Structures are given as C-alpha cells and as structure tokens.
Amino acid sequence: MCGRFNLRLSPGELQEFFSLFRVPEFPVRYNIAPTQEVVSIRHDDQSRRVAEFLKWGLVPQWAKDPSIGNRLLNARSESVAEKPAFRNAFRRRRCIVPASGYYEWPETKSQVKQPWHFYRKTGEPLALAGLWERWMSPTGQTLETCSLLTTEPNPFVAHWHDRMPVLLSDDQIDAWLDPSLTDVSALQRFLVPCPDDWLAADAVSTFVNSSRHEGPECLSPVAAERPLL
C-alpha cells in the first residue's frame, strides 16, 4: 500500500513542473498521512490542470457515512474497475497526487519498524495516480476526497514491499486526467509498475513512524541494509 508520503516543493515549483493553471498556497510537508488534506491535480471544466485540496480517503457518492473514507485510502489496480466504491471514479474522476517521495515499512521481526524513503533518481516529483469523489451530506455540505492506486511492485521495490503506488510518466498525465476517457481497457494500461530504474530508496529515521511528527528530521538518513527478497 501507500500510506505516507512527503511533498517538499513550493507552490511555484509545483506549478512550473506540472504546468498548472492554478495552484493553492500550501506548506512543505515531510509526513503526509491518511485522512489529511493532500494537494491533488485534476482537469477543470476547460481541460486545464489545476491543483486543489482533497481529503485522503475516498468517500463514494452513495456512502451514508463519510467515515468509510478511513478504509478507502488505496485502490488496488487489479480490482478498481469492479469495486463499487471505486469503479465510477475510475471511469470519470481521476487525479494525480504529487509527491517528492513516499515511505514504506518492510516486514521485520523487530518491534520498531524501519522506514524507507522512495524517490525518483532524477530528483523529479512523483505523479501518484489517484481517484477522486464529491460526496454530499444530508445537510448539503460537500466533501471532496481521493484514493491512491496501487499495483504489484517492480523488481526493485519488491525487496521492501509487495505493493507500490501507480506512478505516471509525464506523457501519461493528461490522458489519465481526461474525464472523457472512460474505456476500462485503455485505462488499465496505466496501472502497471513504473520502470525498474526510476526509483532509489534510503533508510530514514524512525521519527517519521508517528504521523504526528513533521519536519526535515523525517528524512534523516540512517544505516540499514536493503531487505532480501
């Protein structure tokens, strides 16, 4: 799964890299956790890329209680087209969630789990494939939420985890965001592991293990051996 990530770009840097028409103000974040608001990118009604805040944890339109979003943080690419919670958003409401890197905790016998930070070797931000929904409460209040897509790991990530986020290349983003693209077979071609040479991984401080912690200390390097397959 993908359960924690960071975004260490300024709004201006994000706007320039992703060619955004509009971007809100937001702080640098080192430890973005489920149920928090995340910066997301989608198309507006004129097919322009805009960045907006969505709450992480998808609430389907038909949900009676928004707390269902606490359990819908990730959507498995193998079943997203059939799952009632995700299938409508998969066809019509897709987004990307930009990240500078994401964290994983490999299985270990130790009581304290060792976090690892995954990021692009090039230093470019990641484009995490996501879905979004707009839910309305009985009193008419709206809530916009998102979920991140996961897939099987590439050979590199498989050393640490049996899942990884779906990461899109620059030339895939506009097609992924296009709500007029509704063909399931065409969409599923995006849902594959990224190339094996995209990512690097560093062991980092257990300070990041608590979602209450924030700041550069989350990325403090530590010595640890890469897990064996």
Protein backbone atom coordinates (compact mmCIF):
# COMPACT_ATOMS: atom_id res chain seq x y z
CA MET A 1 0.00 0.00 0.00
CA CYS A 2 0.97 3.66 0.00
CA GLY A 3 0.32 5.05 3.45
CA ARG A 4 2.64 8.02 3.92
CA PHE A 5 4.46 10.48 1.65
CA ASN A 6 6.07 13.91 1.51
CA LEU A 7 5.80 16.96 -0.74
CA ARG A 8 8.80 19.27 -0.47
CA LEU A 9 8.04 21.63 -3.35
CA SER A 10 6.86 25.22 -3.16
CA PRO A 11 3.57 26.10 -4.90
CA GLY A 12 5.59 27.84 -7.62
CA GLU A 13 7.81 24.82 -8.20
CA LEU A 14 4.78 22.53 -8.38
CA GLN A 15 3.06 24.87 -10.83
CA GLU A 16 6.08 25.01 -13.10
CA PHE A 17 6.81 21.28 -13.14
CA PHE A 18 3.23 20.15 -13.77
CA SER A 19 2.23 23.15 -15.95
CA LEU A 20 -0.66 24.09 -13.67
CA PHE A 21 -3.20 26.79 -14.49
CA ARG A 22 -3.99 27.30 -10.80
CA VAL A 23 -2.33 26.23 -7.56
CA PRO A 24 -3.23 27.00 -3.92
CA GLU A 25 -0.79 28.03 -1.23
CA PHE A 26 0.48 25.10 0.82
CA PRO A 27 3.41 24.40 3.16
CA VAL A 28 6.27 21.99 2.63
CA ARG A 29 5.25 18.67 4.18
CA TYR A 30 7.53 15.82 5.27
CA ASN A 31 4.94 13.41 6.66
CA ILE A 32 1.57 13.43 4.90
CA ALA A 33 -0.75 10.83 6.41
CA PRO A 34 -4.16 9.28 5.68
CA THR A 35 -7.30 11.39 6.32
CA GLN A 36 -5.31 14.62 5.91
CA GLU A 37 -5.83 17.09 3.08
CA VAL A 38 -3.46 16.49 0.18
CA VAL A 39 -2.57 18.59 -2.84
CA SER A 40 -4.12 16.91 -5.89
CA ILE A 41 -4.11 17.73 -9.59
CA ARG A 42 -7.09 17.26 -11.91
CA HIS A 43 -8.62 18.84 -15.00
CA ASP A 44 -11.07 21.72 -14.66
CA ASP A 45 -14.06 22.10 -17.00
CA GLN A 46 -11.78 23.64 -19.63
CA SER A 47 -9.28 20.74 -19.50
CA ARG A 48 -6.70 22.85 -17.67
CA ARG A 49 -4.56 21.28 -14.99
CA VAL A 50 -5.42 22.72 -11.58
CA ALA A 51 -4.16 21.84 -8.11
CA GLU A 52 -6.71 21.62 -5.31
CA PHE A 53 -7.00 20.07 -1.87
CA LEU A 54 -8.70 16.70 -1.43
CA LYS A 55 -9.08 14.70 1.76
CA TRP A 56 -7.15 11.44 1.60
CA GLY A 57 -9.66 8.61 2.00
CA LEU A 58 -12.28 8.25 -0.73
CA VAL A 59 -15.95 8.63 0.20
CA PRO A 60 -18.20 7.23 -2.57
CA GLN A 61 -21.19 9.31 -3.62
CA TRP A 62 -23.57 6.64 -2.32
CA ALA A 63 -21.99 6.44 1.16
CA LYS A 64 -24.26 7.14 4.11
CA ASP A 65 -21.36 7.90 6.44
CA PRO A 66 -18.14 9.68 5.40
CA SER A 67 -16.13 7.59 7.86
CA ILE A 68 -15.97 4.92 5.14
CA GLY A 69 -13.16 7.01 3.69
CA ASN A 70 -10.87 5.93 6.54
CA ARG A 71 -10.84 2.45 4.96
CA LEU A 72 -10.54 3.56 1.31
CA LEU A 73 -7.08 5.09 1.27
CA ASN A 74 -5.77 2.88 -1.53
CA ALA A 75 -7.44 1.23 -4.52
CA ARG A 76 -5.96 -1.98 -5.91
CA SER A 77 -5.42 -1.69 -9.65
CA GLU A 78 -6.41 -5.33 -10.16
CA SER A 79 -9.97 -4.74 -8.92
CA VAL A 80 -10.59 -0.99 -9.24
CA ALA A 81 -12.81 -1.35 -12.32
CA GLU A 82 -15.23 -3.68 -10.48
CA LYS A 83 -15.26 -2.47 -6.86
CA PRO A 84 -18.45 -0.46 -6.17
CA ALA A 85 -16.50 2.08 -4.11
CA PHE A 86 -14.11 2.89 -6.95
CA ARG A 87 -15.50 1.91 -10.34
CA ASN A 88 -17.37 5.15 -11.13
CA ALA A 89 -14.44 7.34 -10.11
CA PHE A 90 -12.08 5.13 -12.11
CA ARG A 91 -14.06 5.83 -15.25
CA ARG A 92 -14.75 9.54 -14.76
CA ARG A 93 -12.94 11.16 -11.83
CA ARG A 94 -9.20 10.62 -11.87
CA CYS A 95 -6.46 12.77 -10.39
CA ILE A 96 -2.79 12.69 -9.59
CA VAL A 97 -1.27 13.36 -6.19
CA PRO A 98 2.21 14.90 -6.45
CA ALA A 99 4.87 13.73 -4.04
CA SER A 100 8.59 14.24 -3.57
CA GLY A 101 8.80 10.72 -2.19
CA TYR A 102 6.88 8.08 -0.28
CA TYR A 103 7.62 5.84 2.70
CA GLU A 104 7.38 2.10 3.20
CA TRP A 105 7.98 -0.12 6.22
CA PRO A 106 9.14 -3.63 5.24
CA GLU A 107 8.08 -6.58 7.33
CA THR A 108 10.58 -7.25 10.10
CA LYS A 109 10.88 -9.23 13.32
CA SER A 110 11.98 -6.08 15.13
CA GLN A 111 9.45 -4.32 17.34
CA VAL A 112 10.45 -0.99 15.79
CA LYS A 113 9.78 -0.91 12.05
CA GLN A 114 12.46 0.66 9.87
CA PRO A 115 11.08 3.22 7.37
CA TRP A 116 12.47 3.59 3.86
CA HIS A 117 12.04 6.60 1.61
CA PHE A 118 11.43 6.04 -2.13
CA TYR A 119 12.02 8.83 -4.63
CA ARG A 120 12.91 9.48 -8.27
CA LYS A 121 16.61 9.12 -9.07
CA THR A 122 16.29 12.23 -11.24
CA GLY A 123 15.00 14.31 -8.32
CA GLU A 124 11.73 14.98 -10.15
CA PRO A 125 8.45 14.75 -8.22
CA LEU A 126 6.31 11.64 -8.42
CA ALA A 127 2.87 11.67 -10.01
CA LEU A 128 0.81 9.20 -7.97
CA ALA A 129 -2.29 8.02 -9.82
CA GLY A 130 -5.46 8.69 -7.85
CA LEU A 131 -9.25 8.75 -7.95
CA TRP A 132 -11.49 11.45 -6.51
CA GLU A 133 -15.12 11.78 -5.47
CA ARG A 134 -17.52 14.51 -4.39
CA TRP A 135 -19.84 13.46 -1.55
CA MET A 136 -22.77 15.50 -0.28
CA SER A 137 -24.08 15.26 3.26
CA PRO A 138 -27.82 15.24 4.09
CA THR A 139 -27.45 18.93 5.04
CA GLY A 140 -25.96 19.82 1.66
CA GLN A 141 -22.30 20.11 2.64
CA THR A 142 -19.83 18.76 0.09
CA LEU A 143 -16.69 16.75 0.79
CA GLU A 144 -14.09 16.03 -1.89
CA THR A 145 -11.86 13.03 -1.26
CA CYS A 146 -9.30 10.84 -3.01
CA SER A 147 -7.69 7.42 -3.00
CA LEU A 148 -4.29 6.32 -4.35
CA LEU A 149 -3.94 3.44 -6.78
CA THR A 150 -1.52 0.61 -6.05
CA THR A 151 -0.12 -2.19 -8.17
CA GLU A 152 2.31 -5.07 -7.89
CA PRO A 153 5.89 -3.92 -7.24
CA ASN A 154 8.61 -3.71 -9.83
CA PRO A 155 11.72 -5.85 -9.11
CA PHE A 156 13.42 -3.00 -7.23
CA VAL A 157 10.55 -2.17 -4.86
CA ALA A 158 9.84 -5.89 -4.33
CA HIS A 159 12.83 -6.01 -1.96
CA TRP A 160 10.79 -3.96 0.52
CA HIS A 161 7.09 -4.46 -0.19
CA ASP A 162 4.56 -6.50 -2.15
CA ARG A 163 2.74 -3.36 -3.40
CA MET A 164 3.70 0.03 -4.79
CA PRO A 165 1.82 3.15 -5.91
CA VAL A 166 0.96 3.57 -9.58
CA LEU A 167 3.41 6.22 -10.80
CA LEU A 168 2.65 8.03 -14.05
CA SER A 169 5.12 9.43 -16.56
CA ASP A 170 4.82 13.00 -17.84
CA ASP A 171 3.33 11.89 -21.14
CA GLN A 172 0.60 9.87 -19.40
CA ILE A 173 -0.77 12.58 -17.14
CA ASP A 174 -3.17 14.40 -19.48
CA ALA A 175 -4.76 11.17 -20.70
CA TRP A 176 -5.16 9.97 -17.11
CA LEU A 177 -6.83 13.23 -16.06
CA ASP A 178 -9.14 13.35 -19.12
CA PRO A 179 -12.70 12.51 -17.91
CA SER A 180 -13.79 11.74 -21.47
CA LEU A 181 -11.53 8.68 -21.46
CA THR A 182 -13.84 6.06 -19.98
CA ASP A 183 -12.72 2.87 -21.74
CA VAL A 184 -11.68 0.46 -19.00
CA SER A 185 -9.20 -1.49 -21.10
CA ALA A 186 -7.47 1.75 -22.14
CA LEU A 187 -7.33 2.96 -18.54
CA GLN A 188 -5.92 -0.30 -17.25
CA ARG A 189 -2.82 0.18 -19.38
CA PHE A 190 -1.76 2.88 -16.93
CA LEU A 191 -1.98 0.53 -13.96
CA VAL A 192 1.44 -1.11 -14.14
CA PRO A 193 4.64 -0.78 -12.11
CA CYS A 194 6.97 2.01 -13.12
CA PRO A 195 10.28 1.09 -14.81
CA ASP A 196 12.76 -0.63 -12.53
CA ASP A 197 15.35 2.15 -12.89
CA TRP A 198 13.09 5.04 -11.82
CA LEU A 199 13.40 4.87 -8.04
CA ALA A 200 16.02 4.97 -5.32
CA ALA A 201 15.44 4.15 -1.65
CA ASP A 202 17.11 5.30 1.56
CA ALA A 203 16.63 4.16 5.13
CA VAL A 204 15.45 7.11 7.22
CA SER A 205 14.81 7.96 10.85
CA THR A 206 12.02 6.25 12.79
CA PHE A 207 10.92 9.79 13.64
CA VAL A 208 8.60 9.51 10.62
CA ASN A 209 6.86 6.47 12.10
CA SER A 210 4.48 8.71 14.02
CA SER A 211 2.05 10.60 11.83
CA ARG A 212 2.16 13.40 14.42
CA HIS A 213 5.77 14.17 13.55
CA GLU A 214 6.67 16.72 10.89
CA GLY A 215 9.84 18.34 9.59
CA PRO A 216 13.20 17.53 7.98
CA GLU A 217 14.06 15.01 10.72
CA CYS A 218 11.64 12.61 8.98
CA LEU A 219 14.26 12.23 6.24
CA SER A 220 17.36 11.97 8.42
CA PRO A 221 19.43 9.11 6.93
CA VAL A 222 20.27 6.03 8.97
CA ALA A 223 22.32 2.92 8.27
CA ALA A 224 20.29 -0.13 7.27
CA GLU A 225 20.72 -3.00 4.83
CA ARG A 226 18.34 -3.49 1.94
CA PRO A 227 15.92 -6.34 2.72
CA LEU A 228 16.47 -9.61 0.88
CA LEU A 229 13.82 -10.97 -1.45
